[in-house]
Amino acid sequence: MSEQDEYIELVTLIRTGHEEAYGELYEKTVTRIYQTVRFLIKDKSDAEDVVQEIYIQAYRSLARYDAERAFRPWLMGVTMRQVQSYRRKRLMQFRFGKRIEKSDVGMEYDFSTDLINKLANRPLLEQVHRLPYKLQQVVTLHYLNEYTQEEIAGILEIPLGTVKSRIHAALAKLRQKEKMNPRLRGKAEDLHETR
């Protein structure tokens, strides 16, 4: 049985009320989802909260899931929408905090710069984290999760050409930064388009 068939079988069981099937679906997918979220959200606690929200939203959305679509990209789409929602909330909190600072009330926010410790190439990852969010998304999906450009277009609900241009822009920025930072020499060239 293929991986996709296993997912469809679990979704069918969940839809018919077998809640333990959702636990199995969670176990099969959570590692990759957590890695993706953790890469895009630096604060570990926030990342864990977002992962919980992803699985709550995925559970609510399973009734509308079309079994003709591949499950993993569908779930990654749910993931990207929840990460985007988190970013919007954080931006609103940040703006609110700035307004409070201006009114001399004063609040402290912890904007952790904690990096992902389990991944290699720390200097390259630091540069990826400095990319604009839209470029971080495609780099994370393509190189960390190994999705094709077509799958990324579906996940992010953007045209394939946009995906290609974002990947190209991200690699160009990384190569440019690599010229300024000898520690990255050779690392950005290792990221090349094969799909």
Protein backbone atom coordinates (compact mmCIF):
# COMPACT_ATOMS: atom_id res chain seq x y z
CA MET A 1 0.00 0.00 0.00
CA SER A 2 1.39 3.39 -0.98
CA GLU A 3 1.87 6.22 1.49
CA GLN A 4 -0.96 8.16 -0.19
CA ASP A 5 -3.29 5.14 0.11
CA GLU A 6 -2.44 4.86 3.82
CA TYR A 7 -3.35 8.52 4.32
CA ILE A 8 -6.64 8.10 2.42
CA GLU A 9 -7.49 5.02 4.51
CA LEU A 10 -6.79 6.93 7.74
CA VAL A 11 -8.85 9.91 6.56
CA THR A 12 -11.74 7.58 5.73
CA LEU A 13 -11.53 6.01 9.19
CA ILE A 14 -11.43 9.43 10.85
CA ARG A 15 -14.48 10.58 8.88
CA THR A 16 -16.40 7.54 10.11
CA GLY A 17 -15.61 8.30 13.74
CA HIS A 18 -12.46 6.26 14.47
CA GLU A 19 -10.62 8.84 16.53
CA GLU A 20 -7.60 6.61 17.11
CA ALA A 21 -6.94 6.84 13.37
CA TYR A 22 -6.32 10.57 13.81
CA GLY A 23 -3.62 9.76 16.36
CA GLU A 24 -1.99 7.49 13.81
CA LEU A 25 -2.24 10.18 11.11
CA TYR A 26 -0.69 12.66 13.53
CA GLU A 27 2.22 10.32 14.32
CA LYS A 28 2.89 9.73 10.61
CA THR A 29 3.05 13.43 9.78
CA VAL A 30 4.04 15.46 12.85
CA THR A 31 7.82 15.21 12.51
CA ARG A 32 7.92 16.84 9.08
CA ILE A 33 5.27 19.41 10.00
CA TYR A 34 7.12 20.35 13.20
CA GLN A 35 10.45 20.68 11.34
CA THR A 36 8.85 23.01 8.82
CA VAL A 37 7.11 25.14 11.43
CA ARG A 38 10.21 25.28 13.61
CA PHE A 39 12.26 26.44 10.66
CA LEU A 40 9.83 29.28 9.94
CA ILE A 41 9.07 30.20 13.56
CA LYS A 42 12.16 30.64 15.69
CA ASP A 43 10.49 30.56 19.11
CA LYS A 44 10.12 26.92 20.15
CA SER A 45 7.05 27.46 22.33
CA ASP A 46 5.28 29.43 19.59
CA ALA A 47 6.19 26.75 17.05
CA GLU A 48 4.66 24.06 19.26
CA ASP A 49 1.48 26.12 19.63
CA VAL A 50 1.24 26.57 15.88
CA VAL A 51 1.68 22.82 15.31
CA GLN A 52 -1.25 22.21 17.67
CA GLU A 53 -3.33 24.73 15.73
CA ILE A 54 -2.38 23.03 12.46
CA TYR A 55 -3.69 19.67 13.63
CA ILE A 56 -6.86 21.19 15.06
CA GLN A 57 -7.50 22.96 11.74
CA ALA A 58 -6.60 19.84 9.74
CA TYR A 59 -9.06 17.77 11.79
CA ARG A 60 -11.82 20.33 11.18
CA SER A 61 -11.00 20.41 7.47
CA LEU A 62 -10.87 16.66 6.85
CA ALA A 63 -14.56 16.57 5.93
CA ARG A 64 -13.74 18.85 2.98
CA TYR A 65 -10.52 17.06 1.99
CA ASP A 66 -10.65 15.82 -1.62
CA ALA A 67 -9.14 12.34 -1.77
CA GLU A 68 -8.08 13.03 -5.37
CA ARG A 69 -5.46 15.47 -4.04
CA ALA A 70 -2.20 14.23 -2.54
CA PHE A 71 -2.54 14.34 1.26
CA ARG A 72 0.94 15.54 2.29
CA PRO A 73 0.84 18.70 0.12
CA TRP A 74 -2.73 19.35 1.35
CA LEU A 75 -1.55 19.14 4.97
CA MET A 76 1.44 21.36 4.15
CA GLY A 77 -1.03 23.89 2.75
CA VAL A 78 -2.88 23.86 6.08
CA THR A 79 0.52 24.31 7.75
CA MET A 80 1.51 27.31 5.64
CA ARG A 81 -1.85 29.01 6.26
CA GLN A 82 -1.48 28.54 10.03
CA VAL A 83 2.09 29.86 9.99
CA GLN A 84 0.87 32.88 8.01
CA SER A 85 -1.92 33.41 10.55
CA TYR A 86 0.64 33.27 13.38
CA ARG A 87 2.82 35.84 11.59
CA ARG A 88 -0.15 38.20 11.17
CA LYS A 89 -0.97 37.89 14.89
CA ARG A 90 2.65 38.55 15.86
CA LEU A 91 2.78 41.58 13.60
CA MET A 92 -0.37 42.94 15.22
CA GLN A 93 1.12 42.28 18.68
CA PHE A 94 4.33 44.02 17.64
CA ARG A 95 2.46 47.05 16.33
CA PHE A 96 0.35 47.16 19.48
CA GLY A 97 3.53 46.98 21.56
CA LYS A 98 5.03 49.88 19.62
CA ARG A 99 1.93 51.97 20.24
CA ILE A 100 2.11 51.20 23.96
CA GLU A 101 5.79 52.15 24.04
CA LYS A 102 4.92 55.48 22.48
CA SER A 103 2.35 56.08 25.21
CA ASP A 104 5.04 55.38 27.86
CA VAL A 105 3.22 52.40 29.36
CA GLY A 106 6.11 50.11 28.45
CA MET A 107 5.89 46.38 27.85
CA GLU A 108 8.60 43.85 27.19
CA TYR A 109 8.41 41.28 24.45
CA ASP A 110 10.73 38.35 24.05
CA PHE A 111 11.73 38.04 20.41
CA SER A 112 13.89 34.96 20.65
CA THR A 113 16.64 34.48 18.11
CA ASP A 114 16.94 30.81 18.94
CA LEU A 115 18.07 28.84 15.86
CA ILE A 116 17.27 25.28 14.94
CA ASN A 117 19.98 23.24 16.64
CA LYS A 118 19.42 19.91 14.94
CA LEU A 119 20.07 21.10 11.39
CA ALA A 120 23.52 21.38 9.89
CA ASN A 121 25.04 24.35 8.03
CA ARG A 122 24.24 26.88 10.71
CA PRO A 123 25.80 29.83 8.80
CA LEU A 124 23.66 29.05 5.75
CA LEU A 125 20.53 28.66 7.92
CA GLU A 126 21.23 32.03 9.51
CA GLN A 127 21.28 33.54 6.04
CA VAL A 128 18.03 31.76 5.08
CA HIS A 129 16.39 33.21 8.21
CA ARG A 130 17.38 36.68 7.02
CA LEU A 131 15.56 36.23 3.72
CA PRO A 132 12.11 37.79 3.29
CA TYR A 133 9.38 35.45 4.57
CA LYS A 134 8.03 34.58 1.10
CA LEU A 135 11.50 33.41 0.07
CA GLN A 136 11.95 31.49 3.34
CA GLN A 137 8.70 29.64 2.57
CA VAL A 138 9.79 28.30 -0.81
CA VAL A 139 13.30 27.43 0.40
CA THR A 140 11.84 25.56 3.39
CA LEU A 141 9.30 23.66 1.30
CA HIS A 142 11.70 22.85 -1.53
CA TYR A 143 14.96 22.08 0.25
CA LEU A 144 13.89 21.04 3.75
CA ASN A 145 10.70 19.18 2.76
CA GLU A 146 11.72 18.25 -0.80
CA TYR A 147 8.47 19.31 -2.45
CA THR A 148 8.51 19.89 -6.19
CA GLN A 149 7.88 23.35 -7.54
CA GLU A 150 4.44 22.23 -8.74
CA GLU A 151 3.56 20.94 -5.26
CA ILE A 152 4.76 24.20 -3.69
CA ALA A 153 2.53 26.17 -6.08
CA GLY A 154 -0.42 24.08 -4.88
CA ILE A 155 0.50 24.35 -1.21
CA LEU A 156 0.93 28.12 -1.30
CA GLU A 157 -1.84 28.61 -3.86
CA ILE A 158 0.38 30.71 -6.11
CA PRO A 159 1.37 30.33 -9.79
CA LEU A 160 4.23 27.99 -10.67
CA GLY A 161 6.15 30.90 -12.20
CA THR A 162 6.00 32.74 -8.87
CA VAL A 163 7.46 29.70 -7.10
CA LYS A 164 10.29 29.54 -9.63
CA SER A 165 11.05 33.23 -9.35
CA ARG A 166 11.03 33.09 -5.54
CA ILE A 167 13.43 30.14 -5.50
CA HIS A 168 15.67 31.95 -7.99
CA ALA A 169 15.53 35.17 -5.92
CA ALA A 170 16.32 33.28 -2.71
CA LEU A 171 19.32 31.53 -4.23
CA ALA A 172 20.56 34.79 -5.75
CA LYS A 173 20.36 36.52 -2.35
CA LEU A 174 22.13 33.60 -0.66
CA ARG A 175 24.90 33.64 -3.28
CA GLN A 176 25.28 37.40 -2.88
CA LYS A 177 25.58 37.06 0.90
CA GLU A 178 27.98 34.16 0.43
CA LYS A 179 30.37 36.46 -1.45
CA MET A 180 30.42 38.74 1.58
CA ASN A 181 30.77 35.88 4.10
CA PRO A 182 33.60 33.39 3.49
CA ARG A 183 32.06 30.92 5.99
CA LEU A 184 29.28 30.31 3.47
CA ARG A 185 31.63 29.72 0.56
CA GLY A 186 30.38 26.73 -1.37
CA LYS A 187 27.23 26.32 0.71
CA ALA A 188 24.91 28.38 -1.50
CA GLU A 189 26.20 26.64 -4.64
CA ASP A 190 25.17 23.35 -3.06
CA LEU A 191 21.56 24.54 -3.27
CA HIS A 192 20.76 24.11 -6.94
CA GLU A 193 17.57 23.53 -8.79
CA THR A 194 17.03 19.87 -9.65
CA ARG A 195 13.27 19.74 -9.92
